[in-house]
Amino acid sequence: MEIIKFIHSYWAYLVVIVVTVATINAVIGYVTKREFVPRDFRLALFALIVTHIQFLIGFVLFFVSDKVRWFDSDTEVSTIMKNSDLRLYNLEHPLVMILTVVFVTVGYSKHKKKLTSTPKLKMLAIFYTLALILLLSRIPWSSWLTF
């Protein structure tokens, strides 16, 4: 379990960096009305890949982590919901990260269906920005920044 936690924690830095770069790239491209180039495609794809890998690692961690209490017969749901740390790790973080992956996936899929540069970059800018906001909103900052 420690290996999975380690990978999930440090891969998260890559996810934040790549999604941020892909989002900024898409927003700037859309605002400046520049042509969609292979670099834009690669950044969007890389953001998609790293978020999906992080989701898979997190999915495994959800079932083996000592912070997740859904499967503990001694912990009631009301206890989880009343405690902010338990609620974050058991409900908020997993749910919002699933939504983050959904927004990245939808944005990537929608951009591929567009034929011209501006709509492609617009789709990426909208969905990746929403994904980035969600991502940053539910990172467990108190434990994430400690080494």
C-alpha atoms as a PDB file:
ATOM      1  CA  MET A   1       0.000   0.000   0.000  1.00  0.00           C
ATOM      2  CA  GLU A   2       2.875   2.400   0.734  1.00  0.00           C
ATOM      3  CA  ILE A   3       4.120   2.087  -2.836  1.00  0.00           C
ATOM      4  CA  ILE A   4       0.676   2.926  -4.214  1.00  0.00           C
ATOM      5  CA  LYS A   5       0.390   5.946  -1.890  1.00  0.00           C
ATOM      6  CA  PHE A   6       3.853   7.119  -2.921  1.00  0.00           C
ATOM      7  CA  ILE A   7       3.080   6.821  -6.633  1.00  0.00           C
ATOM      8  CA  HIS A   8      -0.335   8.479  -6.230  1.00  0.00           C
ATOM      9  CA  SER A   9       1.171  11.367  -4.272  1.00  0.00           C
ATOM     10  CA  TYR A  10       4.035  12.112  -6.635  1.00  0.00           C
ATOM     11  CA  TRP A  11       2.187  11.420  -9.881  1.00  0.00           C
ATOM     12  CA  ALA A  12      -0.261  14.098  -8.699  1.00  0.00           C
ATOM     13  CA  TYR A  13       2.433  16.742  -9.160  1.00  0.00           C
ATOM     14  CA  LEU A  14       2.779  15.685 -12.789  1.00  0.00           C
ATOM     15  CA  VAL A  15      -1.003  15.784 -13.241  1.00  0.00           C
ATOM     16  CA  VAL A  16      -1.273  19.309 -11.843  1.00  0.00           C
ATOM     17  CA  ILE A  17       1.610  20.568 -13.962  1.00  0.00           C
ATOM     18  CA  VAL A  18       0.464  18.939 -17.206  1.00  0.00           C
ATOM     19  CA  VAL A  19      -3.218  19.884 -16.839  1.00  0.00           C
ATOM     20  CA  THR A  20      -2.214  23.457 -15.953  1.00  0.00           C
ATOM     21  CA  VAL A  21       0.101  23.742 -18.975  1.00  0.00           C
ATOM     22  CA  ALA A  22      -2.486  22.185 -21.310  1.00  0.00           C
ATOM     23  CA  THR A  23      -5.191  24.514 -19.983  1.00  0.00           C
ATOM     24  CA  ILE A  24      -3.073  27.651 -20.288  1.00  0.00           C
ATOM     25  CA  ASN A  25      -1.981  26.595 -23.772  1.00  0.00           C
ATOM     26  CA  ALA A  26      -5.591  26.065 -24.882  1.00  0.00           C
ATOM     27  CA  VAL A  27      -6.823  29.328 -23.366  1.00  0.00           C
ATOM     28  CA  ILE A  28      -4.012  31.356 -24.913  1.00  0.00           C
ATOM     29  CA  GLY A  29      -4.512  29.620 -28.261  1.00  0.00           C
ATOM     30  CA  TYR A  30      -8.228  30.315 -28.208  1.00  0.00           C
ATOM     31  CA  VAL A  31      -7.889  33.936 -27.129  1.00  0.00           C
ATOM     32  CA  THR A  32      -5.194  34.715 -29.701  1.00  0.00           C
ATOM     33  CA  LYS A  33      -7.063  32.755 -32.418  1.00  0.00           C
ATOM     34  CA  ARG A  34      -3.905  30.912 -33.460  1.00  0.00           C
ATOM     35  CA  GLU A  35      -3.814  27.738 -35.506  1.00  0.00           C
ATOM     36  CA  PHE A  36      -4.185  24.382 -33.790  1.00  0.00           C
ATOM     37  CA  VAL A  37      -0.760  22.737 -34.105  1.00  0.00           C
ATOM     38  CA  PRO A  38       0.552  19.257 -33.264  1.00  0.00           C
ATOM     39  CA  ARG A  39       1.948  20.597 -29.960  1.00  0.00           C
ATOM     40  CA  ASP A  40      -1.610  21.462 -28.880  1.00  0.00           C
ATOM     41  CA  PHE A  41      -2.739  17.947 -29.690  1.00  0.00           C
ATOM     42  CA  ARG A  42       0.176  16.384 -27.796  1.00  0.00           C
ATOM     43  CA  LEU A  43      -0.382  18.547 -24.703  1.00  0.00           C
ATOM     44  CA  ALA A  44      -4.081  17.714 -24.632  1.00  0.00           C
ATOM     45  CA  LEU A  45      -3.352  14.014 -25.110  1.00  0.00           C
ATOM     46  CA  PHE A  46      -0.658  13.993 -22.430  1.00  0.00           C
ATOM     47  CA  ALA A  47      -3.081  15.659 -19.982  1.00  0.00           C
ATOM     48  CA  LEU A  48      -5.647  12.986 -20.817  1.00  0.00           C
ATOM     49  CA  ILE A  49      -3.150  10.176 -20.280  1.00  0.00           C
ATOM     50  CA  VAL A  50      -1.700  11.396 -16.977  1.00  0.00           C
ATOM     51  CA  THR A  51      -5.148  12.061 -15.491  1.00  0.00           C
ATOM     52  CA  HIS A  52      -6.363   8.602 -16.458  1.00  0.00           C
ATOM     53  CA  ILE A  53      -3.288   6.943 -14.979  1.00  0.00           C
ATOM     54  CA  GLN A  54      -3.745   8.942 -11.774  1.00  0.00           C
ATOM     55  CA  PHE A  55      -7.391   7.897 -11.680  1.00  0.00           C
ATOM     56  CA  LEU A  56      -6.443   4.219 -11.934  1.00  0.00           C
ATOM     57  CA  ILE A  57      -3.857   4.552  -9.175  1.00  0.00           C
ATOM     58  CA  GLY A  58      -6.378   6.438  -7.023  1.00  0.00           C
ATOM     59  CA  PHE A  59      -9.038   3.824  -7.692  1.00  0.00           C
ATOM     60  CA  VAL A  60      -6.776   1.106  -6.312  1.00  0.00           C
ATOM     61  CA  LEU A  61      -5.793   3.307  -3.373  1.00  0.00           C
ATOM     62  CA  PHE A  62      -9.447   3.953  -2.561  1.00  0.00           C
ATOM     63  CA  PHE A  63      -9.917   0.295  -1.710  1.00  0.00           C
ATOM     64  CA  VAL A  64      -6.704  -0.210   0.267  1.00  0.00           C
ATOM     65  CA  SER A  65      -6.186   3.118   2.051  1.00  0.00           C
ATOM     66  CA  ASP A  66      -6.516   3.370   5.802  1.00  0.00           C
ATOM     67  CA  LYS A  67      -8.135   6.809   5.314  1.00  0.00           C
ATOM     68  CA  VAL A  68     -11.123   5.356   3.475  1.00  0.00           C
ATOM     69  CA  ARG A  69     -13.670   4.089   5.965  1.00  0.00           C
ATOM     70  CA  TRP A  70     -16.636   3.127   3.781  1.00  0.00           C
ATOM     71  CA  PHE A  71     -15.676  -0.526   4.085  1.00  0.00           C
ATOM     72  CA  ASP A  72     -15.021  -0.419   7.841  1.00  0.00           C
ATOM     73  CA  SER A  73     -17.915  -1.927   9.754  1.00  0.00           C
ATOM     74  CA  ASP A  74     -17.077   0.166  12.839  1.00  0.00           C
ATOM     75  CA  THR A  75     -17.472   3.531  11.087  1.00  0.00           C
ATOM     76  CA  GLU A  76     -20.909   4.949  10.397  1.00  0.00           C
ATOM     77  CA  VAL A  77     -21.643   7.201   7.440  1.00  0.00           C
ATOM     78  CA  SER A  78     -22.674  10.010   9.800  1.00  0.00           C
ATOM     79  CA  THR A  79     -19.220   9.864  11.386  1.00  0.00           C
ATOM     80  CA  ILE A  80     -17.582  10.203   7.984  1.00  0.00           C
ATOM     81  CA  MET A  81     -19.805  13.107   7.012  1.00  0.00           C
ATOM     82  CA  LYS A  82     -19.239  15.023  10.269  1.00  0.00           C
ATOM     83  CA  ASN A  83     -15.444  14.805  10.114  1.00  0.00           C
ATOM     84  CA  SER A  84     -13.939  17.074   7.438  1.00  0.00           C
ATOM     85  CA  ASP A  85     -10.817  14.931   6.907  1.00  0.00           C
ATOM     86  CA  LEU A  86     -12.801  11.717   6.608  1.00  0.00           C
ATOM     87  CA  ARG A  87     -15.314  13.391   4.312  1.00  0.00           C
ATOM     88  CA  LEU A  88     -12.506  14.722   2.103  1.00  0.00           C
ATOM     89  CA  TYR A  89     -10.824  11.329   1.636  1.00  0.00           C
ATOM     90  CA  ASN A  90     -13.985   9.239   1.522  1.00  0.00           C
ATOM     91  CA  LEU A  91     -16.289  11.398  -0.587  1.00  0.00           C
ATOM     92  CA  GLU A  92     -15.121  14.793  -1.817  1.00  0.00           C
ATOM     93  CA  HIS A  93     -11.688  13.936  -3.210  1.00  0.00           C
ATOM     94  CA  PRO A  94     -12.744  10.759  -5.056  1.00  0.00           C
ATOM     95  CA  LEU A  95     -15.941  12.283  -6.440  1.00  0.00           C
ATOM     96  CA  VAL A  96     -14.363  15.533  -7.623  1.00  0.00           C
ATOM     97  CA  MET A  97     -11.388  13.718  -9.148  1.00  0.00           C
ATOM     98  CA  ILE A  98     -13.769  11.486 -11.096  1.00  0.00           C
ATOM     99  CA  LEU A  99     -15.455  14.649 -12.376  1.00  0.00           C
ATOM    100  CA  THR A 100     -12.029  16.060 -13.264  1.00  0.00           C
ATOM    101  CA  VAL A 101     -11.231  12.995 -15.369  1.00  0.00           C
ATOM    102  CA  VAL A 102     -14.668  13.233 -17.002  1.00  0.00           C
ATOM    103  CA  PHE A 103     -14.121  16.895 -17.971  1.00  0.00           C
ATOM    104  CA  VAL A 104     -10.672  16.163 -19.403  1.00  0.00           C
ATOM    105  CA  THR A 105     -12.046  13.192 -21.343  1.00  0.00           C
ATOM    106  CA  VAL A 106     -15.064  15.071 -22.684  1.00  0.00           C
ATOM    107  CA  GLY A 107     -12.937  18.078 -23.651  1.00  0.00           C
ATOM    108  CA  TYR A 108     -10.454  15.881 -25.452  1.00  0.00           C
ATOM    109  CA  SER A 109     -13.205  13.959 -27.259  1.00  0.00           C
ATOM    110  CA  LYS A 110     -15.092  17.092 -28.284  1.00  0.00           C
ATOM    111  CA  HIS A 111     -11.997  18.846 -29.582  1.00  0.00           C
ATOM    112  CA  LYS A 112     -11.248  15.929 -31.919  1.00  0.00           C
ATOM    113  CA  LYS A 113     -14.652  16.319 -33.596  1.00  0.00           C
ATOM    114  CA  LYS A 114     -14.079  19.970 -34.473  1.00  0.00           C
ATOM    115  CA  LEU A 115     -12.630  20.708 -37.891  1.00  0.00           C
ATOM    116  CA  THR A 116     -11.068  24.133 -37.403  1.00  0.00           C
ATOM    117  CA  SER A 117      -8.591  25.555 -34.907  1.00  0.00           C
ATOM    118  CA  THR A 118     -10.734  27.986 -32.932  1.00  0.00           C
ATOM    119  CA  PRO A 119     -13.467  25.489 -31.963  1.00  0.00           C
ATOM    120  CA  LYS A 120     -10.829  22.864 -31.126  1.00  0.00           C
ATOM    121  CA  LEU A 121      -9.006  25.210 -28.772  1.00  0.00           C
ATOM    122  CA  LYS A 122     -12.309  26.484 -27.364  1.00  0.00           C
ATOM    123  CA  MET A 123     -13.384  22.957 -26.367  1.00  0.00           C
ATOM    124  CA  LEU A 124     -10.044  22.269 -24.742  1.00  0.00           C
ATOM    125  CA  ALA A 125     -10.023  25.652 -22.998  1.00  0.00           C
ATOM    126  CA  ILE A 126     -13.512  25.235 -21.540  1.00  0.00           C
ATOM    127  CA  PHE A 127     -13.296  21.641 -20.379  1.00  0.00           C
ATOM    128  CA  TYR A 128      -9.679  21.675 -19.244  1.00  0.00           C
ATOM    129  CA  THR A 129     -10.276  24.888 -17.267  1.00  0.00           C
ATOM    130  CA  LEU A 130     -13.226  23.283 -15.495  1.00  0.00           C
ATOM    131  CA  ALA A 131     -11.131  20.184 -14.843  1.00  0.00           C
ATOM    132  CA  LEU A 132      -8.255  22.264 -13.464  1.00  0.00           C
ATOM    133  CA  ILE A 133     -10.556  24.194 -11.125  1.00  0.00           C
ATOM    134  CA  LEU A 134     -12.041  20.952  -9.821  1.00  0.00           C
ATOM    135  CA  LEU A 135      -8.617  19.356  -9.522  1.00  0.00           C
ATOM    136  CA  LEU A 136      -7.201  22.215  -7.483  1.00  0.00           C
ATOM    137  CA  SER A 137     -10.314  22.461  -5.298  1.00  0.00           C
ATOM    138  CA  ARG A 138     -10.013  18.977  -3.796  1.00  0.00           C
ATOM    139  CA  ILE A 139      -6.330  18.288  -3.475  1.00  0.00           C
ATOM    140  CA  PRO A 140      -5.721  17.464   0.200  1.00  0.00           C
ATOM    141  CA  TRP A 141      -3.319  20.395   0.552  1.00  0.00           C
ATOM    142  CA  SER A 142      -2.497  19.794   4.213  1.00  0.00           C
ATOM    143  CA  SER A 143      -1.032  16.366   3.524  1.00  0.00           C
ATOM    144  CA  TRP A 144       0.061  17.035  -0.034  1.00  0.00           C
ATOM    145  CA  LEU A 145       2.600  19.721   0.742  1.00  0.00           C
ATOM    146  CA  THR A 146       4.323  17.774   3.517  1.00  0.00           C
ATOM    147  CA  PHE A 147       7.239  15.642   2.541  1.00  0.00           C
END
